[in-house]
Amino acid sequence: MSDKDILSIGKSVFGFSFLGGSIVFFSLFSGLMVEFVVFSGLILCFFMLINTIVFSLMIYGFLDQSKFVICLKSASILLINIPVTFIYGCLIDY
């Protein structure tokens, strides 16, 4: 796997999960989605997806030491979603 492929995986998963989380947040915040169970289930699925991909990228980086730095960059791009989700959660509680 090339360096560009690894970075594109990280960026595309970041974009999809950020877009999906933002859509869910704004639909809940505007009152279009009333079911909190659906929201919490989607957030758990997003966390599960992000953590699985971060974990698999780190394992790949440990196995192929020449790709470790690029895997670390891609994993840190994915971890940007966690503070954004925390901010969304604080705004919903308010």
N, C-alpha and C. Protein backbone atom coordinates (compact mmCIF):
# COMPACT_ATOMS: atom_id res chain seq x y z
N MET A 1 0.86 -1.16 0.00
CA MET A 1 0.00 0.00 0.00
C MET A 1 0.91 1.24 0.00
N SER A 2 0.60 2.18 -0.87
CA SER A 2 1.44 3.37 -0.97
C SER A 2 1.06 4.41 0.09
N ASP A 3 1.94 5.38 0.25
CA ASP A 3 1.69 6.44 1.24
C ASP A 3 0.44 7.24 0.91
N LYS A 4 0.21 7.49 -0.37
CA LYS A 4 -0.98 8.25 -0.78
C LYS A 4 -2.25 7.49 -0.46
N ASP A 5 -2.22 6.16 -0.62
CA ASP A 5 -3.40 5.35 -0.30
C ASP A 5 -3.72 5.40 1.19
N ILE A 6 -2.69 5.32 1.99
CA ILE A 6 -2.91 5.34 3.45
C ILE A 6 -3.47 6.70 3.88
N LEU A 7 -2.93 7.78 3.36
CA LEU A 7 -3.45 9.11 3.70
C LEU A 7 -4.86 9.32 3.16
N SER A 8 -5.13 8.81 1.97
CA SER A 8 -6.49 8.99 1.41
C SER A 8 -7.52 8.20 2.20
N ILE A 9 -7.14 7.04 2.73
CA ILE A 9 -8.05 6.29 3.60
C ILE A 9 -8.38 7.11 4.85
N GLY A 10 -7.36 7.66 5.48
CA GLY A 10 -7.59 8.47 6.67
C GLY A 10 -8.43 9.70 6.41
N LYS A 11 -8.15 10.39 5.31
CA LYS A 11 -8.90 11.60 4.99
C LYS A 11 -10.34 11.30 4.60
N SER A 12 -10.56 10.23 3.83
CA SER A 12 -11.93 9.93 3.40
C SER A 12 -12.79 9.44 4.57
N VAL A 13 -12.22 8.61 5.44
CA VAL A 13 -13.00 8.17 6.61
C VAL A 13 -13.27 9.34 7.54
N PHE A 14 -12.30 10.23 7.69
CA PHE A 14 -12.52 11.44 8.49
C PHE A 14 -13.66 12.26 7.90
N GLY A 15 -13.65 12.46 6.59
CA GLY A 15 -14.68 13.25 5.94
C GLY A 15 -16.06 12.64 6.08
N PHE A 16 -16.17 11.32 5.85
CA PHE A 16 -17.47 10.66 5.97
C PHE A 16 -18.00 10.68 7.39
N SER A 17 -17.15 10.41 8.36
CA SER A 17 -17.64 10.39 9.73
C SER A 17 -17.93 11.81 10.24
N PHE A 18 -17.14 12.79 9.81
CA PHE A 18 -17.42 14.18 10.21
C PHE A 18 -18.73 14.66 9.58
N LEU A 19 -18.93 14.35 8.31
CA LEU A 19 -20.16 14.75 7.64
C LEU A 19 -21.38 14.06 8.25
N GLY A 20 -21.25 12.76 8.50
CA GLY A 20 -22.37 12.03 9.11
C GLY A 20 -22.69 12.52 10.50
N GLY A 21 -21.67 12.75 11.31
CA GLY A 21 -21.90 13.26 12.66
C GLY A 21 -22.49 14.66 12.66
N SER A 22 -22.06 15.49 11.72
CA SER A 22 -22.61 16.84 11.64
C SER A 22 -24.06 16.83 11.19
N ILE A 23 -24.39 15.96 10.26
CA ILE A 23 -25.78 15.85 9.82
C ILE A 23 -26.67 15.40 10.97
N VAL A 24 -26.22 14.40 11.70
CA VAL A 24 -27.01 13.91 12.84
C VAL A 24 -27.13 14.99 13.91
N PHE A 25 -26.04 15.71 14.19
CA PHE A 25 -26.08 16.75 15.21
C PHE A 25 -27.05 17.86 14.82
N PHE A 26 -26.94 18.36 13.60
CA PHE A 26 -27.79 19.49 13.22
C PHE A 26 -29.25 19.08 13.06
N SER A 27 -29.51 17.83 12.69
CA SER A 27 -30.90 17.39 12.63
C SER A 27 -31.47 17.24 14.04
N LEU A 28 -30.65 16.78 14.98
CA LEU A 28 -31.12 16.69 16.36
C LEU A 28 -31.25 18.07 16.99
N PHE A 29 -30.28 18.95 16.71
CA PHE A 29 -30.28 20.29 17.27
C PHE A 29 -31.45 21.12 16.75
N SER A 30 -31.84 20.91 15.49
CA SER A 30 -32.94 21.68 14.93
C SER A 30 -34.30 21.07 15.26
N GLY A 31 -34.33 19.90 15.85
CA GLY A 31 -35.59 19.28 16.25
C GLY A 31 -36.19 18.38 15.20
N LEU A 32 -35.48 18.09 14.13
CA LEU A 32 -36.01 17.21 13.10
C LEU A 32 -35.95 15.74 13.52
N MET A 33 -35.00 15.39 14.35
CA MET A 33 -34.90 14.02 14.83
C MET A 33 -35.22 14.02 16.31
N VAL A 34 -36.24 13.28 16.69
CA VAL A 34 -36.69 13.32 18.06
C VAL A 34 -36.16 12.14 18.87
N GLU A 35 -35.80 11.08 18.20
CA GLU A 35 -35.37 9.87 18.90
C GLU A 35 -33.92 9.99 19.35
N PHE A 36 -33.69 10.09 20.64
CA PHE A 36 -32.33 10.16 21.16
C PHE A 36 -31.63 8.82 21.05
N VAL A 37 -32.39 7.74 21.04
CA VAL A 37 -31.81 6.41 20.93
C VAL A 37 -31.10 6.25 19.59
N VAL A 38 -31.69 6.79 18.54
CA VAL A 38 -31.08 6.71 17.22
C VAL A 38 -29.78 7.50 17.21
N PHE A 39 -29.78 8.67 17.81
CA PHE A 39 -28.58 9.52 17.84
C PHE A 39 -27.45 8.84 18.60
N SER A 40 -27.74 8.31 19.77
CA SER A 40 -26.67 7.69 20.56
C SER A 40 -26.15 6.43 19.87
N GLY A 41 -27.00 5.70 19.19
CA GLY A 41 -26.56 4.52 18.46
C GLY A 41 -25.66 4.88 17.29
N LEU A 42 -25.99 5.96 16.60
CA LEU A 42 -25.13 6.39 15.49
C LEU A 42 -23.78 6.88 15.97
N ILE A 43 -23.76 7.61 17.07
CA ILE A 43 -22.49 8.08 17.61
C ILE A 43 -21.62 6.90 18.03
N LEU A 44 -22.22 5.89 18.65
CA LEU A 44 -21.45 4.71 19.02
C LEU A 44 -20.90 3.99 17.79
N CYS A 45 -21.67 3.94 16.72
CA CYS A 45 -21.19 3.32 15.48
C CYS A 45 -20.04 4.13 14.89
N PHE A 46 -20.12 5.45 14.93
CA PHE A 46 -19.02 6.28 14.43
C PHE A 46 -17.75 6.06 15.24
N PHE A 47 -17.88 6.03 16.56
CA PHE A 47 -16.71 5.78 17.40
C PHE A 47 -16.11 4.40 17.11
N MET A 48 -16.99 3.41 16.93
CA MET A 48 -16.50 2.06 16.65
C MET A 48 -15.75 2.02 15.32
N LEU A 49 -16.28 2.68 14.32
CA LEU A 49 -15.63 2.71 13.01
C LEU A 49 -14.29 3.43 13.08
N ILE A 50 -14.26 4.57 13.72
CA ILE A 50 -13.02 5.34 13.82
C ILE A 50 -11.96 4.58 14.61
N ASN A 51 -12.37 4.00 15.74
CA ASN A 51 -11.40 3.26 16.56
C ASN A 51 -10.89 2.02 15.85
N THR A 52 -11.73 1.34 15.09
CA THR A 52 -11.30 0.16 14.35
C THR A 52 -10.29 0.52 13.28
N ILE A 53 -10.53 1.60 12.57
CA ILE A 53 -9.61 1.99 11.50
C ILE A 53 -8.30 2.51 12.09
N VAL A 54 -8.37 3.28 13.18
CA VAL A 54 -7.15 3.76 13.82
C VAL A 54 -6.33 2.58 14.33
N PHE A 55 -6.98 1.61 14.94
CA PHE A 55 -6.29 0.44 15.46
C PHE A 55 -5.65 -0.37 14.33
N SER A 56 -6.38 -0.55 13.23
CA SER A 56 -5.81 -1.32 12.11
C SER A 56 -4.67 -0.56 11.44
N LEU A 57 -4.75 0.76 11.35
CA LEU A 57 -3.64 1.53 10.79
C LEU A 57 -2.40 1.44 11.67
N MET A 58 -2.59 1.47 12.97
CA MET A 58 -1.44 1.37 13.87
C MET A 58 -0.80 -0.02 13.81
N ILE A 59 -1.62 -1.06 13.69
CA ILE A 59 -1.06 -2.41 13.56
C ILE A 59 -0.29 -2.52 12.25
N TYR A 60 -0.84 -1.98 11.17
CA TYR A 60 -0.12 -2.00 9.90
C TYR A 60 1.20 -1.23 9.99
N GLY A 61 1.20 -0.13 10.70
CA GLY A 61 2.42 0.65 10.88
C GLY A 61 3.46 -0.09 11.71
N PHE A 62 3.01 -0.84 12.72
CA PHE A 62 3.95 -1.62 13.51
C PHE A 62 4.53 -2.79 12.72
N LEU A 63 3.70 -3.40 11.87
CA LEU A 63 4.18 -4.54 11.08
C LEU A 63 5.11 -4.11 9.96
N ASP A 64 4.82 -2.98 9.33
CA ASP A 64 5.67 -2.47 8.25
C ASP A 64 6.29 -1.16 8.74
N GLN A 65 7.47 -1.27 9.32
CA GLN A 65 8.10 -0.12 9.97
C GLN A 65 8.36 1.05 9.02
N SER A 66 8.49 0.79 7.73
CA SER A 66 8.72 1.89 6.79
C SER A 66 7.47 2.74 6.60
N LYS A 67 6.30 2.22 6.94
CA LYS A 67 5.04 2.95 6.81
C LYS A 67 4.52 3.48 8.14
N PHE A 68 5.31 3.36 9.19
CA PHE A 68 4.82 3.74 10.52
C PHE A 68 4.48 5.21 10.62
N VAL A 69 5.31 6.09 10.09
CA VAL A 69 5.09 7.54 10.21
C VAL A 69 3.83 7.94 9.45
N ILE A 70 3.64 7.41 8.26
CA ILE A 70 2.46 7.78 7.46
C ILE A 70 1.19 7.21 8.10
N CYS A 71 1.27 6.01 8.71
CA CYS A 71 0.12 5.45 9.41
C CYS A 71 -0.22 6.28 10.64
N LEU A 72 0.80 6.78 11.31
CA LEU A 72 0.57 7.64 12.47
C LEU A 72 -0.10 8.96 12.05
N LYS A 73 0.30 9.52 10.92
CA LYS A 73 -0.34 10.74 10.42
C LYS A 73 -1.80 10.49 10.07
N SER A 74 -2.06 9.37 9.40
CA SER A 74 -3.43 9.06 9.01
C SER A 74 -4.31 8.79 10.23
N ALA A 75 -3.77 8.11 11.21
CA ALA A 75 -4.53 7.84 12.44
C ALA A 75 -4.81 9.13 13.21
N SER A 76 -3.86 10.06 13.22
CA SER A 76 -4.10 11.31 13.94
C SER A 76 -5.11 12.19 13.21
N ILE A 77 -5.21 12.07 11.89
CA ILE A 77 -6.28 12.78 11.17
C ILE A 77 -7.64 12.26 11.62
N LEU A 78 -7.75 10.95 11.80
CA LEU A 78 -9.01 10.36 12.23
C LEU A 78 -9.37 10.75 13.67
N LEU A 79 -8.37 10.97 14.50
CA LEU A 79 -8.64 11.29 15.89
C LEU A 79 -9.12 12.72 16.10
N ILE A 80 -9.12 13.53 15.04
CA ILE A 80 -9.64 14.89 15.14
C ILE A 80 -11.15 14.86 15.42
N ASN A 81 -11.83 13.80 15.01
CA ASN A 81 -13.27 13.70 15.21
C ASN A 81 -13.68 13.61 16.66
N ILE A 82 -12.82 13.14 17.52
CA ILE A 82 -13.21 12.94 18.92
C ILE A 82 -13.50 14.26 19.63
N PRO A 83 -12.63 15.30 19.54
CA PRO A 83 -13.01 16.57 20.19
C PRO A 83 -14.22 17.23 19.56
N VAL A 84 -14.39 17.06 18.25
CA VAL A 84 -15.56 17.64 17.59
C VAL A 84 -16.83 16.99 18.13
N THR A 85 -16.81 15.68 18.31
CA THR A 85 -17.96 14.98 18.87
C THR A 85 -18.21 15.40 20.30
N PHE A 86 -17.16 15.64 21.06
CA PHE A 86 -17.31 16.12 22.43
C PHE A 86 -17.98 17.50 22.45
N ILE A 87 -17.57 18.38 21.55
CA ILE A 87 -18.18 19.71 21.47
C ILE A 87 -19.66 19.60 21.09
N TYR A 88 -19.96 18.73 20.12
CA TYR A 88 -21.36 18.52 19.75
C TYR A 88 -22.17 18.01 20.94
N GLY A 89 -21.59 17.08 21.71
CA GLY A 89 -22.28 16.55 22.88
C GLY A 89 -22.52 17.62 23.93
N CYS A 90 -21.57 18.51 24.12
CA CYS A 90 -21.75 19.60 25.08
C CYS A 90 -22.84 20.56 24.63
N LEU A 91 -22.92 20.80 23.33
CA LEU A 91 -23.96 21.70 22.81
C LEU A 91 -25.34 21.08 22.91
N ILE A 92 -25.44 19.77 22.77
CA ILE A 92 -26.74 19.12 22.88
C ILE A 92 -27.21 19.11 24.32
N ASP A 93 -26.29 18.89 25.27
CA ASP A 93 -26.67 18.91 26.69
C ASP A 93 -27.13 20.28 27.13
N TYR A 94 -26.61 21.33 26.51
CA TYR A 94 -26.96 22.68 26.88
C TYR A 94 -28.37 22.95 26.50
